[in-house]
C-alpha atoms as a PDB file:
ATOM      1  CA  MET A   1      10.882   2.575  18.892  1.00  0.00           C
ATOM      2  CA  ASP A   2       9.434   1.439  15.576  1.00  0.00           C
ATOM      3  CA  VAL A   3      12.168  -0.979  14.472  1.00  0.00           C
ATOM      4  CA  ASP A   4      11.294  -0.792  10.768  1.00  0.00           C
ATOM      5  CA  ARG A   5      11.394   2.987  10.805  1.00  0.00           C
ATOM      6  CA  GLY A   6      14.717   2.853  12.614  1.00  0.00           C
ATOM      7  CA  TYR A   7      16.209   0.737   9.871  1.00  0.00           C
ATOM      8  CA  ARG A   8      14.644   2.978   7.239  1.00  0.00           C
ATOM      9  CA  SER A   9      16.158   6.127   8.777  1.00  0.00           C
ATOM     10  CA  ILE A  10      19.605   4.538   8.647  1.00  0.00           C
ATOM     11  CA  LEU A  11      19.114   3.563   5.018  1.00  0.00           C
ATOM     12  CA  LEU A  12      17.803   6.962   3.985  1.00  0.00           C
ATOM     13  CA  GLU A  13      19.778   9.346   6.174  1.00  0.00           C
ATOM     14  CA  GLY A  14      22.779   7.546   7.668  1.00  0.00           C
ATOM     15  CA  PRO A  15      26.224   6.642   6.304  1.00  0.00           C
ATOM     16  CA  MET A  16      26.274   4.618   3.122  1.00  0.00           C
ATOM     17  CA  GLY A  17      28.721   1.880   2.152  1.00  0.00           C
ATOM     18  CA  ASP A  18      29.204  -0.951   4.634  1.00  0.00           C
ATOM     19  CA  VAL A  19      26.155  -0.043   6.750  1.00  0.00           C
ATOM     20  CA  ARG A  20      23.779  -0.159   3.768  1.00  0.00           C
ATOM     21  CA  ARG A  21      25.244  -3.409   2.487  1.00  0.00           C
ATOM     22  CA  ALA A  22      24.965  -5.007   5.931  1.00  0.00           C
ATOM     23  CA  LEU A  23      21.316  -4.019   6.292  1.00  0.00           C
ATOM     24  CA  GLU A  24      20.512  -5.323   2.827  1.00  0.00           C
ATOM     25  CA  ARG A  25      21.605  -8.761   4.043  1.00  0.00           C
ATOM     26  CA  VAL A  26      19.162  -8.710   6.972  1.00  0.00           C
ATOM     27  CA  PRO A  27      16.514 -11.409   6.385  1.00  0.00           C
ATOM     28  CA  SER A  28      13.153  -9.953   5.380  1.00  0.00           C
ATOM     29  CA  ARG A  29      10.089 -10.347   7.577  1.00  0.00           C
ATOM     30  CA  ALA A  30       7.947 -13.325   6.611  1.00  0.00           C
ATOM     31  CA  MET A  31       4.577 -12.294   5.156  1.00  0.00           C
ATOM     32  CA  ARG A  32       1.499 -14.361   4.492  1.00  0.00           C
ATOM     33  CA  ILE A  33      -2.068 -14.216   3.253  1.00  0.00           C
ATOM     34  CA  ILE A  34      -4.347 -14.033   6.291  1.00  0.00           C
ATOM     35  CA  ALA A  35      -7.728 -15.130   4.955  1.00  0.00           C
ATOM     36  CA  GLY A  36      -9.696 -16.175   1.923  1.00  0.00           C
ATOM     37  CA  GLU A  37      -8.844 -18.448  -1.003  1.00  0.00           C
ATOM     38  CA  HIS A  38      -5.086 -18.277  -0.431  1.00  0.00           C
ATOM     39  CA  ARG A  39      -5.147 -18.253   3.351  1.00  0.00           C
ATOM     40  CA  GLY A  40      -1.823 -19.200   4.922  1.00  0.00           C
ATOM     41  CA  ARG A  41       0.210 -18.870   1.728  1.00  0.00           C
ATOM     42  CA  ARG A  42       3.572 -17.252   2.344  1.00  0.00           C
ATOM     43  CA  LEU A  43       4.690 -14.294   0.264  1.00  0.00           C
ATOM     44  CA  ALA A  44       8.142 -13.443  -0.984  1.00  0.00           C
ATOM     45  CA  SER A  45       9.540 -10.083   0.119  1.00  0.00           C
ATOM     46  CA  PRO A  46      12.681  -8.153  -0.789  1.00  0.00           C
ATOM     47  CA  PRO A  47      15.778  -8.827   1.335  1.00  0.00           C
ATOM     48  CA  GLY A  48      16.766  -6.240   3.927  1.00  0.00           C
ATOM     49  CA  ARG A  49      14.679  -3.451   5.437  1.00  0.00           C
ATOM     50  CA  GLY A  50      14.091  -1.289   2.387  1.00  0.00           C
ATOM     51  CA  THR A  51      10.343  -1.979   2.455  1.00  0.00           C
ATOM     52  CA  ARG A  52       7.912  -1.681   5.365  1.00  0.00           C
ATOM     53  CA  PRO A  53       5.151  -4.298   5.080  1.00  0.00           C
ATOM     54  CA  MET A  54       2.062  -3.751   7.198  1.00  0.00           C
ATOM     55  CA  LEU A  55       1.990  -5.947  10.291  1.00  0.00           C
ATOM     56  CA  ASP A  56      -0.437  -8.878  10.110  1.00  0.00           C
ATOM     57  CA  ARG A  57      -2.491  -7.607  13.044  1.00  0.00           C
ATOM     58  CA  VAL A  58      -2.922  -4.215  11.366  1.00  0.00           C
ATOM     59  CA  LYS A  59      -3.727  -5.801   8.004  1.00  0.00           C
ATOM     60  CA  GLU A  60      -6.327  -8.021   9.646  1.00  0.00           C
ATOM     61  CA  ALA A  61      -7.906  -4.992  11.326  1.00  0.00           C
ATOM     62  CA  VAL A  62      -8.030  -3.104   8.013  1.00  0.00           C
ATOM     63  CA  PHE A  63      -9.717  -5.939   6.143  1.00  0.00           C
ATOM     64  CA  SER A  64     -12.118  -6.579   9.006  1.00  0.00           C
ATOM     65  CA  SER A  65     -13.153  -2.915   8.748  1.00  0.00           C
ATOM     66  CA  LEU A  66     -13.623  -3.172   4.991  1.00  0.00           C
ATOM     67  CA  GLY A  67     -15.642  -6.385   5.204  1.00  0.00           C
ATOM     68  CA  GLU A  68     -17.734  -7.143   2.123  1.00  0.00           C
ATOM     69  CA  GLN A  69     -16.512  -3.976   0.403  1.00  0.00           C
ATOM     70  CA  VAL A  70     -13.554  -6.030  -0.853  1.00  0.00           C
ATOM     71  CA  VAL A  71     -15.693  -8.606  -2.688  1.00  0.00           C
ATOM     72  CA  ASP A  72     -15.759  -7.979  -6.467  1.00  0.00           C
ATOM     73  CA  ALA A  73     -13.856  -4.719  -5.930  1.00  0.00           C
ATOM     74  CA  ARG A  74     -11.541  -3.055  -8.401  1.00  0.00           C
ATOM     75  CA  VAL A  75      -8.470  -2.222  -6.340  1.00  0.00           C
ATOM     76  CA  LEU A  76      -5.593   0.203  -6.858  1.00  0.00           C
ATOM     77  CA  ASP A  77      -2.545  -0.639  -4.707  1.00  0.00           C
ATOM     78  CA  LEU A  78      -0.128   2.336  -4.632  1.00  0.00           C
ATOM     79  CA  PHE A  79       3.415   1.837  -3.321  1.00  0.00           C
ATOM     80  CA  ALA A  80       2.511  -1.840  -3.454  1.00  0.00           C
ATOM     81  CA  GLY A  81       5.871  -3.245  -2.367  1.00  0.00           C
ATOM     82  CA  SER A  82       5.696  -7.009  -2.739  1.00  0.00           C
ATOM     83  CA  GLY A  83       1.897  -6.884  -2.946  1.00  0.00           C
ATOM     84  CA  SER A  84       0.767  -7.864   0.543  1.00  0.00           C
ATOM     85  CA  LEU A  85      -2.363  -5.669   0.590  1.00  0.00           C
ATOM     86  CA  GLY A  86      -3.502  -6.178  -2.982  1.00  0.00           C
ATOM     87  CA  LEU A  87      -2.936  -9.938  -2.850  1.00  0.00           C
ATOM     88  CA  GLU A  88      -4.875 -10.126   0.414  1.00  0.00           C
ATOM     89  CA  ALA A  89      -7.718  -8.327  -1.357  1.00  0.00           C
ATOM     90  CA  LEU A  90      -7.641 -10.836  -4.234  1.00  0.00           C
ATOM     91  CA  SER A  91      -7.662 -13.715  -1.764  1.00  0.00           C
ATOM     92  CA  ARG A  92     -10.777 -12.208  -0.163  1.00  0.00           C
ATOM     93  CA  GLY A  93     -12.673 -11.894  -3.439  1.00  0.00           C
ATOM     94  CA  ALA A  94     -11.554  -8.673  -5.151  1.00  0.00           C
ATOM     95  CA  ALA A  95     -12.119  -8.718  -8.914  1.00  0.00           C
ATOM     96  CA  SER A  96      -8.823  -7.134  -9.910  1.00  0.00           C
ATOM     97  CA  VAL A  97      -5.837  -5.226  -8.546  1.00  0.00           C
ATOM     98  CA  ARG A  98      -3.518  -2.762 -10.200  1.00  0.00           C
ATOM     99  CA  PHE A  99      -0.193  -2.876  -8.348  1.00  0.00           C
ATOM    100  CA  VAL A 100       1.988   0.243  -8.649  1.00  0.00           C
ATOM    101  CA  GLU A 101       5.622  -0.062  -7.546  1.00  0.00           C
ATOM    102  CA  THR A 102       8.976   1.174  -8.879  1.00  0.00           C
ATOM    103  CA  GLY A 103      11.495  -0.549  -6.582  1.00  0.00           C
ATOM    104  CA  ARG A 104      13.334  -3.237  -8.554  1.00  0.00           C
ATOM    105  CA  LYS A 105      13.631  -5.761  -5.731  1.00  0.00           C
ATOM    106  CA  ALA A 106      10.052  -5.172  -4.598  1.00  0.00           C
ATOM    107  CA  LEU A 107       8.815  -5.646  -8.174  1.00  0.00           C
ATOM    108  CA  GLU A 108      10.698  -8.925  -8.458  1.00  0.00           C
ATOM    109  CA  ALA A 109       9.063 -10.164  -5.256  1.00  0.00           C
ATOM    110  CA  LEU A 110       5.653  -8.917  -6.439  1.00  0.00           C
ATOM    111  CA  GLU A 111       5.967 -10.734  -9.762  1.00  0.00           C
ATOM    112  CA  GLU A 112       6.957 -13.913  -7.928  1.00  0.00           C
ATOM    113  CA  ASN A 113       3.985 -13.637  -5.556  1.00  0.00           C
ATOM    114  CA  VAL A 114       1.479 -13.052  -8.344  1.00  0.00           C
ATOM    115  CA  ALA A 115       2.808 -16.098 -10.210  1.00  0.00           C
ATOM    116  CA  THR A 116       2.958 -18.292  -7.110  1.00  0.00           C
ATOM    117  CA  LEU A 117      -0.682 -17.569  -6.269  1.00  0.00           C
ATOM    118  CA  GLY A 118      -1.735 -17.965  -9.894  1.00  0.00           C
ATOM    119  CA  VAL A 119      -3.597 -14.639 -10.025  1.00  0.00           C
ATOM    120  CA  GLU A 120      -2.021 -13.212 -13.191  1.00  0.00           C
ATOM    121  CA  GLU A 121      -5.421 -12.734 -14.868  1.00  0.00           C
ATOM    122  CA  HIS A 122      -6.558 -10.496 -12.029  1.00  0.00           C
ATOM    123  CA  ALA A 123      -3.346  -8.492 -11.528  1.00  0.00           C
ATOM    124  CA  GLU A 124      -1.856  -5.571 -13.441  1.00  0.00           C
ATOM    125  CA  LEU A 125       1.709  -4.523 -12.534  1.00  0.00           C
ATOM    126  CA  CYS A 126       2.772  -0.940 -13.256  1.00  0.00           C
ATOM    127  CA  ALA A 127       6.299   0.374 -12.667  1.00  0.00           C
ATOM    128  CA  VAL A 128       5.365   4.079 -12.629  1.00  0.00           C
ATOM    129  CA  ASP A 129       5.257   6.914 -10.108  1.00  0.00           C
ATOM    130  CA  ALA A 130       2.512   6.035  -7.613  1.00  0.00           C
ATOM    131  CA  LEU A 131       1.619   9.719  -7.170  1.00  0.00           C
ATOM    132  CA  GLY A 132       1.412  10.397 -10.897  1.00  0.00           C
ATOM    133  CA  ALA A 133      -1.761  10.443 -12.962  1.00  0.00           C
ATOM    134  CA  SER A 134      -0.532   7.599 -15.195  1.00  0.00           C
ATOM    135  CA  ALA A 135      -0.741   5.250 -12.193  1.00  0.00           C
ATOM    136  CA  TRP A 136      -4.403   6.095 -11.701  1.00  0.00           C
ATOM    137  CA  ARG A 137      -5.634   6.003 -15.285  1.00  0.00           C
ATOM    138  CA  ALA A 138      -9.022   4.411 -15.703  1.00  0.00           C
ATOM    139  CA  PRO A 139      -9.352   1.128 -17.607  1.00  0.00           C
ATOM    140  CA  GLU A 140     -10.536   1.688 -21.158  1.00  0.00           C
ATOM    141  CA  GLU A 141     -14.060   0.516 -20.426  1.00  0.00           C
ATOM    142  CA  ALA A 142     -14.471   2.718 -17.324  1.00  0.00           C
ATOM    143  CA  GLU A 143     -15.790   6.262 -17.175  1.00  0.00           C
ATOM    144  CA  GLY A 144     -15.158   8.651 -14.300  1.00  0.00           C
ATOM    145  CA  GLY A 145     -14.311   7.087 -10.960  1.00  0.00           C
ATOM    146  CA  TRP A 146     -13.412   3.445 -11.442  1.00  0.00           C
ATOM    147  CA  ALA A 147     -11.733   2.057  -8.288  1.00  0.00           C
ATOM    148  CA  ASP A 148     -13.731   0.692  -5.397  1.00  0.00           C
ATOM    149  CA  LEU A 149     -10.730   0.593  -3.090  1.00  0.00           C
ATOM    150  CA  VAL A 150      -7.332   2.319  -3.074  1.00  0.00           C
ATOM    151  CA  PHE A 151      -4.469   1.330  -0.797  1.00  0.00           C
ATOM    152  CA  LEU A 152      -2.032   4.222  -0.350  1.00  0.00           C
ATOM    153  CA  ASP A 153       1.099   3.153   1.519  1.00  0.00           C
ATOM    154  CA  PRO A 154       3.919   5.643   0.851  1.00  0.00           C
ATOM    155  CA  PRO A 155       7.277   5.423   2.623  1.00  0.00           C
ATOM    156  CA  TYR A 156       7.083   7.169   5.988  1.00  0.00           C
ATOM    157  CA  PRO A 157       9.708   9.806   5.021  1.00  0.00           C
ATOM    158  CA  MET A 158       7.381  10.988   2.244  1.00  0.00           C
ATOM    159  CA  VAL A 159       4.605  11.605   4.759  1.00  0.00           C
ATOM    160  CA  GLU A 160       6.864  13.289   7.288  1.00  0.00           C
ATOM    161  CA  GLY A 161       9.140  15.174   4.887  1.00  0.00           C
ATOM    162  CA  ALA A 162       9.205  17.404   1.837  1.00  0.00           C
ATOM    163  CA  ALA A 163       6.754  15.254  -0.173  1.00  0.00           C
ATOM    164  CA  ARG A 164       4.013  15.632   2.455  1.00  0.00           C
ATOM    165  CA  ALA A 165       2.029  18.195   0.429  1.00  0.00           C
ATOM    166  CA  GLU A 166       2.202  15.995  -2.663  1.00  0.00           C
ATOM    167  CA  VAL A 167       0.884  13.004  -0.713  1.00  0.00           C
ATOM    168  CA  LEU A 168      -2.004  15.052   0.694  1.00  0.00           C
ATOM    169  CA  ALA A 169      -2.811  16.395  -2.780  1.00  0.00           C
ATOM    170  CA  ALA A 170      -2.863  12.808  -4.041  1.00  0.00           C
ATOM    171  CA  CYS A 171      -5.383  11.883  -1.338  1.00  0.00           C
ATOM    172  CA  GLU A 172      -7.708  14.630  -2.556  1.00  0.00           C
ATOM    173  CA  ALA A 173      -7.302  13.627  -6.209  1.00  0.00           C
ATOM    174  CA  LEU A 174      -7.822   9.925  -5.516  1.00  0.00           C
ATOM    175  CA  VAL A 175     -11.083  10.589  -3.678  1.00  0.00           C
ATOM    176  CA  GLY A 176     -12.303  13.176  -6.162  1.00  0.00           C
ATOM    177  CA  GLU A 177     -11.285  11.521  -9.421  1.00  0.00           C
ATOM    178  CA  VAL A 178     -10.412   7.843  -9.002  1.00  0.00           C
ATOM    179  CA  ILE A 179     -12.712   6.105  -6.535  1.00  0.00           C
ATOM    180  CA  ARG A 180     -16.369   5.436  -7.216  1.00  0.00           C
ATOM    181  CA  ALA A 181     -19.150   7.034  -5.183  1.00  0.00           C
ATOM    182  CA  GLU A 182     -19.045   4.400  -2.451  1.00  0.00           C
ATOM    183  CA  GLY A 183     -15.305   3.786  -2.734  1.00  0.00           C
ATOM    184  CA  MET A 184     -12.590   4.344  -0.144  1.00  0.00           C
ATOM    185  CA  VAL A 185      -8.919   5.256   0.104  1.00  0.00           C
ATOM    186  CA  VAL A 186      -7.023   3.420   2.857  1.00  0.00           C
ATOM    187  CA  PHE A 187      -3.962   5.503   3.743  1.00  0.00           C
ATOM    188  CA  HIS A 188      -1.202   3.990   5.902  1.00  0.00           C
ATOM    189  CA  ALA A 189       0.875   6.571   7.811  1.00  0.00           C
ATOM    190  CA  PRO A 190       2.935   6.872  11.013  1.00  0.00           C
ATOM    191  CA  LYS A 191       0.894   7.582  14.115  1.00  0.00           C
ATOM    192  CA  GLY A 192       0.740  11.280  14.930  1.00  0.00           C
ATOM    193  CA  ALA A 193       2.162  12.404  11.595  1.00  0.00           C
ATOM    194  CA  LEU A 194      -1.109  13.844  10.298  1.00  0.00           C
ATOM    195  CA  ASP A 195      -4.132  15.676  11.595  1.00  0.00           C
ATOM    196  CA  ALA A 196      -7.606  15.438  10.082  1.00  0.00           C
ATOM    197  CA  ALA A 197      -7.566  19.200   9.476  1.00  0.00           C
ATOM    198  CA  GLU A 198      -4.716  18.767   6.973  1.00  0.00           C
ATOM    199  CA  PHE A 199      -6.920  16.879   4.527  1.00  0.00           C
ATOM    200  CA  ALA A 200      -9.030  18.789   2.013  1.00  0.00           C
ATOM    201  CA  ASP A 201     -12.402  19.986   3.295  1.00  0.00           C
ATOM    202  CA  THR A 202     -14.095  17.866   0.645  1.00  0.00           C
ATOM    203  CA  LEU A 203     -12.809  14.638   2.213  1.00  0.00           C
ATOM    204  CA  SER A 204     -14.212  12.530   5.009  1.00  0.00           C
ATOM    205  CA  ALA A 205     -11.172  11.442   7.034  1.00  0.00           C
ATOM    206  CA  ASN A 206     -11.396   8.875   9.834  1.00  0.00           C
ATOM    207  CA  GLU A 207      -8.314   7.643  11.678  1.00  0.00           C
ATOM    208  CA  ARG A 208      -7.705   4.402  13.550  1.00  0.00           C
ATOM    209  CA  THR A 209      -4.426   3.744  15.319  1.00  0.00           C
ATOM    210  CA  TYR A 210      -2.601   0.481  16.003  1.00  0.00           C
ATOM    211  CA  GLY A 211       0.594   0.885  18.019  1.00  0.00           C
ATOM    212  CA  SER A 212       2.843   3.232  16.040  1.00  0.00           C
ATOM    213  CA  THR A 213       0.649   3.009  12.930  1.00  0.00           C
ATOM    214  CA  SER A 214      -2.270   5.131  11.731  1.00  0.00           C
ATOM    215  CA  ILE A 215      -4.790   3.991   9.146  1.00  0.00           C
ATOM    216  CA  TRP A 216      -6.816   6.784   7.575  1.00  0.00           C
ATOM    217  CA  TYR A 217     -10.073   5.893   5.820  1.00  0.00           C
ATOM    218  CA  LEU A 218     -10.795   8.584   3.247  1.00  0.00           C
ATOM    219  CA  GLY A 219     -13.920   9.046   1.205  1.00  0.00           C
END
């Protein structure tokens, strides 16, 4: 059983009240920067199990796959949580990251992490809908596709539930409108939740699995 998903199902579907309050007091999983300028630095994360940070071994595999594509990249981090992916990208040489997150506690942790690492000049924090066009708007100086790398990490219930079609439509729009010609969308989803045939025909979709996790590379 995926422990994080188990906690999430209780929070989202189970009884409220005492159960929710008890889970919110569960200590959060320690996160850290794996490599680069800020290697080893610990990151703050919201208390409880309301967020689902990517495991270090999966994050390391993702960044190993991306390699030099991260260096000098403009990054869009959707459903950023406390910023683990985007901050890892900055540590490894990304030029800038736009973090998109609406959860209050996650935003507080994200702001703390950006300040602690001293990367304010390279980070833009946006508290807007991650699947809305306002989250993807191009910087004023950019024309057409502007992002070199997009991290898309929606809550698992969105991928498996009623919002599934909206998430898949966002994948198509991000590839078609937001990333540059050689850019990539890295989509984190539960293993077995999606099939390559569900993505738009215009997309190249490659899946790699790590335990109960799937990482889709879309371009």
